[in-house]
Amino acid sequence: AAAFGPYSDRLPRLQKVLTAGEPFDKETPKWCVMTYMREDPEHAGEAMHVKSVQHLVKSIQAASGVAKDHHGPRHEEFDIRTVEESGINEKPSVAAAALESNRKTGTLTKQSQKIFDDSIKLFEDNLPRAQELCSELEALSAEERHVTHGRRAAVELMQKLTRLREGMTHLAHGDHAFLEPAFGNTKRAARLLALLTAGSSFEEPRGGVLKLMAEDEEHLGQSANQAVVSNLIASYKVAAAVVSSSTAVSL
């Protein structure tokens, strides 16, 4: 009661970080932890993080119940200072404010900058080799793709695509500040499209990974690989929208 009672705003501050102050069962359009997990289920919303947030929610609910049972002034035997008495509540909800500020203004924190740099490195380290492997497989006959060399190239190609997906997910679906510097004045989106479809449409690919998968549904086209490529396509579409809104595109 002394920690979370009427003299303290700790619970509202924590709830603001998690849900922007909204009830836990209500989706909010405001930027907060719950929104971040909902918009990035593959990373922010993975099981380990969901479990941690669920523990926090249960703790808040339990603490709220205790606080409601202990209204009124604190008992004199307690010598615990409240947030207001300690003076640490001058800047409430710093974490929530930082999340929303970075999202709106496009600024990068030191941690965000590292994620950006790592994601760009994933893209640049893996796309060229993925393109080489794709070209190698395209040059092979259907029979040759199923012998040792062809199968090894197909396995490595999917490994590179999985790493590409990781980088593209952060760049296209993570911090909003990543989008413009990652795609606005570069040809990364075009290079990714060349890898996926040889620069053609997704519905009727003239080449690239999608054509290879259509020609080998049993191996390259299996569902796990389809999921990786579907994520890459979704990320490409976000990147392409940034490119189309840019005034100039240069290498």
Protein backbone atom coordinates (compact mmCIF):
# COMPACT_ATOMS: atom_id res chain seq x y z
CA ALA A 1 0.00 0.00 0.00
CA ALA A 2 2.85 2.39 0.78
CA ALA A 3 4.46 1.64 -2.59
CA PHE A 4 1.31 1.77 -4.74
CA GLY A 5 -1.35 3.53 -2.68
CA PRO A 6 -2.99 6.92 -3.24
CA TYR A 7 0.25 8.76 -2.48
CA SER A 8 2.03 7.20 -5.47
CA ASP A 9 1.51 7.33 -9.23
CA ARG A 10 3.77 4.34 -9.94
CA LEU A 11 0.95 2.16 -11.30
CA PRO A 12 -0.42 4.78 -13.73
CA ARG A 13 3.10 5.51 -14.94
CA LEU A 14 3.80 1.84 -15.62
CA GLN A 15 0.45 1.39 -17.33
CA LYS A 16 1.16 4.40 -19.52
CA VAL A 17 4.35 2.76 -20.76
CA LEU A 18 2.54 -0.53 -21.46
CA THR A 19 -0.80 0.69 -22.86
CA ALA A 20 -0.60 4.51 -23.09
CA GLY A 21 -2.93 4.55 -20.09
CA GLU A 22 -5.67 2.53 -21.77
CA PRO A 23 -7.25 -0.62 -20.25
CA PHE A 24 -5.27 -3.79 -20.89
CA ASP A 25 -8.09 -5.33 -22.96
CA LYS A 26 -8.35 -2.35 -25.31
CA GLU A 27 -6.17 -1.73 -28.38
CA THR A 28 -4.80 1.79 -28.53
CA PRO A 29 -3.49 3.66 -31.57
CA LYS A 30 -1.01 5.50 -29.37
CA TRP A 31 2.62 4.42 -29.34
CA CYS A 32 3.40 2.18 -26.37
CA VAL A 33 4.78 -1.28 -25.58
CA MET A 34 1.52 -3.07 -26.48
CA THR A 35 1.34 -1.27 -29.83
CA TYR A 36 4.97 -2.10 -30.57
CA MET A 37 4.35 -5.81 -29.84
CA ARG A 38 1.21 -5.82 -31.97
CA GLU A 39 2.94 -4.17 -34.95
CA ASP A 40 6.08 -6.33 -34.76
CA PRO A 41 4.87 -9.81 -33.68
CA GLU A 42 7.95 -11.57 -35.02
CA HIS A 43 10.39 -9.70 -32.78
CA ALA A 44 8.81 -7.44 -30.17
CA GLY A 45 5.86 -9.81 -29.90
CA GLU A 46 7.76 -13.07 -29.57
CA ALA A 47 6.75 -15.46 -26.81
CA MET A 48 9.50 -14.48 -24.34
CA HIS A 49 8.50 -10.80 -24.48
CA VAL A 50 4.79 -11.58 -24.32
CA LYS A 51 5.37 -13.62 -21.17
CA SER A 52 7.33 -10.78 -19.53
CA VAL A 53 4.58 -8.27 -20.27
CA GLN A 54 1.91 -10.66 -19.01
CA HIS A 55 3.80 -10.88 -15.70
CA LEU A 56 3.88 -7.10 -15.52
CA VAL A 57 0.15 -6.88 -16.20
CA LYS A 58 -0.60 -9.40 -13.45
CA SER A 59 1.65 -7.48 -11.05
CA ILE A 60 -0.13 -4.22 -11.84
CA GLN A 61 -3.53 -5.82 -11.30
CA ALA A 62 -2.41 -7.35 -8.00
CA ALA A 63 -0.89 -4.08 -6.80
CA SER A 64 -4.05 -2.20 -7.78
CA GLY A 65 -6.09 -4.56 -5.63
CA VAL A 66 -3.81 -3.99 -2.66
CA ALA A 67 -3.94 -0.22 -3.12
CA LYS A 68 -7.75 -0.21 -3.21
CA ASP A 69 -7.84 -2.07 0.11
CA HIS A 70 -5.64 0.52 1.83
CA HIS A 71 -7.13 3.92 1.12
CA GLY A 72 -6.37 6.80 3.46
CA PRO A 73 -3.14 8.06 5.07
CA ARG A 74 -0.23 5.75 5.56
CA HIS A 75 0.38 4.13 8.92
CA GLU A 76 3.00 5.93 10.96
CA GLU A 77 5.11 2.83 11.42
CA PHE A 78 6.01 2.91 7.74
CA ASP A 79 8.94 5.11 6.86
CA ILE A 80 8.82 4.64 3.11
CA ARG A 81 8.99 7.72 0.91
CA THR A 82 6.58 8.03 -1.96
CA VAL A 83 7.59 9.03 -5.48
CA GLU A 84 6.61 12.61 -4.79
CA GLU A 85 8.66 12.74 -1.58
CA SER A 86 11.73 11.25 -3.25
CA GLY A 87 11.66 13.79 -6.06
CA ILE A 88 12.09 11.21 -8.84
CA ASN A 89 8.72 11.89 -10.40
CA GLU A 90 9.59 15.19 -12.07
CA LYS A 91 9.65 13.57 -15.53
CA PRO A 92 6.94 10.87 -15.57
CA SER A 93 6.69 8.18 -18.25
CA VAL A 94 10.11 8.87 -19.72
CA ALA A 95 10.14 5.52 -21.55
CA ALA A 96 6.73 6.05 -23.12
CA ALA A 97 7.65 9.58 -24.12
CA ALA A 98 10.88 8.41 -25.72
CA LEU A 99 9.13 5.69 -27.70
CA GLU A 100 6.50 8.06 -29.04
CA SER A 101 8.98 10.86 -29.71
CA ASN A 102 11.32 8.63 -31.71
CA ARG A 103 8.37 7.26 -33.65
CA LYS A 104 7.01 10.72 -34.56
CA THR A 105 10.15 12.76 -35.10
CA GLY A 106 12.24 10.15 -36.87
CA THR A 107 15.19 10.54 -34.52
CA LEU A 108 17.44 7.60 -33.79
CA THR A 109 18.63 6.75 -30.30
CA LYS A 110 22.03 5.13 -29.87
CA GLN A 111 20.36 1.72 -29.57
CA SER A 112 18.18 2.38 -32.62
CA GLN A 113 21.23 3.47 -34.61
CA LYS A 114 22.95 0.17 -33.82
CA ILE A 115 19.87 -1.79 -34.93
CA PHE A 116 19.80 0.26 -38.13
CA ASP A 117 23.50 -0.31 -38.84
CA ASP A 118 23.24 -4.05 -38.10
CA SER A 119 20.18 -4.37 -40.34
CA ILE A 120 21.87 -2.58 -43.24
CA LYS A 121 24.85 -4.90 -42.79
CA LEU A 122 22.57 -7.94 -42.92
CA PHE A 123 21.11 -6.65 -46.17
CA GLU A 124 24.43 -5.82 -47.81
CA ASP A 125 26.19 -8.98 -46.60
CA ASN A 126 23.49 -11.38 -47.76
CA LEU A 127 21.76 -9.97 -50.85
CA PRO A 128 24.73 -10.19 -53.27
CA ARG A 129 25.39 -13.83 -52.41
CA ALA A 130 21.68 -14.64 -52.58
CA GLN A 131 21.60 -13.13 -56.09
CA GLU A 132 24.61 -15.23 -57.12
CA LEU A 133 22.97 -18.42 -55.83
CA CYS A 134 19.71 -17.55 -57.57
CA SER A 135 21.55 -17.08 -60.87
CA GLU A 136 23.40 -20.36 -60.38
CA LEU A 137 20.16 -22.25 -59.83
CA GLU A 138 18.48 -20.56 -62.81
CA ALA A 139 21.33 -21.77 -65.01
CA LEU A 140 20.80 -25.40 -63.93
CA SER A 141 18.29 -27.78 -65.40
CA ALA A 142 15.49 -29.17 -63.24
CA GLU A 143 17.46 -32.41 -62.86
CA GLU A 144 20.69 -30.64 -61.95
CA ARG A 145 18.94 -28.68 -59.20
CA HIS A 146 18.23 -31.93 -57.40
CA VAL A 147 21.79 -33.26 -57.33
CA THR A 148 24.33 -32.36 -54.65
CA HIS A 149 25.48 -29.01 -56.07
CA GLY A 150 21.97 -27.82 -56.82
CA ARG A 151 20.58 -28.86 -53.45
CA ARG A 152 23.47 -27.23 -51.61
CA ALA A 153 22.93 -23.98 -53.51
CA ALA A 154 19.19 -24.08 -52.72
CA VAL A 155 19.84 -24.58 -49.00
CA GLU A 156 22.36 -21.73 -48.89
CA LEU A 157 19.97 -19.49 -50.83
CA MET A 158 17.25 -19.97 -48.22
CA GLN A 159 19.75 -19.27 -45.44
CA LYS A 160 20.64 -15.98 -47.10
CA LEU A 161 16.96 -15.12 -47.62
CA THR A 162 16.26 -15.79 -43.95
CA ARG A 163 19.03 -13.39 -42.94
CA LEU A 164 17.75 -10.84 -45.44
CA ARG A 165 14.29 -11.14 -43.93
CA GLU A 166 15.71 -10.38 -40.49
CA GLY A 167 17.35 -7.20 -41.70
CA MET A 168 14.41 -6.08 -43.83
CA THR A 169 11.94 -6.64 -40.99
CA HIS A 170 13.85 -4.20 -38.77
CA LEU A 171 14.27 -1.66 -41.57
CA ALA A 172 10.75 -1.74 -42.98
CA HIS A 173 8.61 -2.58 -39.93
CA GLY A 174 10.65 -1.32 -37.00
CA ASP A 175 11.51 2.26 -36.06
CA HIS A 176 9.90 4.72 -38.50
CA ALA A 177 13.18 6.64 -38.61
CA PHE A 178 14.78 3.71 -40.47
CA LEU A 179 12.66 3.97 -43.62
CA GLU A 180 13.97 7.08 -45.38
CA PRO A 181 17.72 6.55 -44.84
CA ALA A 182 17.41 2.84 -45.67
CA PHE A 183 15.41 3.14 -48.89
CA GLY A 184 14.71 6.76 -49.82
CA ASN A 185 17.82 7.53 -51.90
CA THR A 186 19.16 4.05 -52.54
CA LYS A 187 18.43 1.16 -54.87
CA ARG A 188 18.00 -1.40 -52.12
CA ALA A 189 14.31 -1.89 -52.89
CA ALA A 190 15.04 -2.39 -56.59
CA ARG A 191 17.84 -4.84 -55.81
CA LEU A 192 15.52 -6.85 -53.58
CA LEU A 193 12.84 -6.94 -56.30
CA ALA A 194 15.47 -8.13 -58.79
CA LEU A 195 16.33 -10.99 -56.45
CA LEU A 196 12.71 -11.96 -55.86
CA THR A 197 11.23 -11.63 -59.37
CA ALA A 198 14.01 -10.42 -61.72
CA GLY A 199 12.28 -7.04 -61.62
CA SER A 200 8.89 -8.34 -62.77
CA SER A 201 5.55 -8.63 -60.98
CA PHE A 202 4.94 -10.88 -57.99
CA GLU A 203 1.92 -12.42 -59.72
CA GLU A 204 3.86 -13.47 -62.87
CA PRO A 205 7.57 -13.53 -62.04
CA ARG A 206 9.85 -13.82 -65.04
CA GLY A 207 12.73 -15.01 -62.89
CA GLY A 208 14.25 -14.77 -59.47
CA VAL A 209 13.43 -16.63 -56.28
CA LEU A 210 9.67 -16.74 -56.88
CA LYS A 211 10.08 -18.45 -60.26
CA LEU A 212 12.52 -20.96 -58.79
CA MET A 213 10.08 -21.77 -56.00
CA ALA A 214 7.22 -22.22 -58.46
CA GLU A 215 9.35 -24.65 -60.47
CA ASP A 216 10.36 -26.66 -57.38
CA GLU A 217 7.32 -26.71 -55.08
CA GLU A 218 8.49 -29.82 -53.24
CA HIS A 219 11.75 -28.35 -51.99
CA LEU A 220 12.33 -24.63 -52.56
CA GLY A 221 8.59 -24.01 -52.60
CA GLN A 222 7.79 -25.68 -49.28
CA SER A 223 5.67 -23.76 -46.77
CA ALA A 224 8.50 -22.68 -44.45
CA ASN A 225 10.34 -21.09 -47.38
CA GLN A 226 7.12 -19.52 -48.64
CA ALA A 227 6.70 -17.81 -45.26
CA VAL A 228 10.21 -16.30 -45.45
CA VAL A 229 9.63 -14.97 -48.97
CA SER A 230 6.15 -13.66 -48.09
CA ASN A 231 7.72 -11.59 -45.30
CA LEU A 232 10.33 -10.28 -47.72
CA ILE A 233 7.61 -9.27 -50.18
CA ALA A 234 5.72 -7.40 -47.47
CA SER A 235 8.92 -5.58 -46.46
CA TYR A 236 9.68 -4.77 -50.10
CA LYS A 237 6.27 -3.14 -50.53
CA VAL A 238 6.92 -0.85 -47.56
CA ALA A 239 10.34 0.04 -48.97
CA ALA A 240 8.92 0.63 -52.47
CA ALA A 241 6.38 3.08 -51.06
CA VAL A 242 9.23 5.10 -49.54
CA VAL A 243 11.09 5.07 -52.85
CA SER A 244 8.04 6.25 -54.80
CA SER A 245 7.64 9.23 -52.47
CA SER A 246 11.28 10.29 -52.78
CA THR A 247 12.15 13.09 -55.17
CA ALA A 248 15.25 11.31 -56.45
CA VAL A 249 16.69 7.82 -56.30
CA SER A 250 20.41 7.31 -56.60
CA LEU A 251 22.75 4.45 -55.93
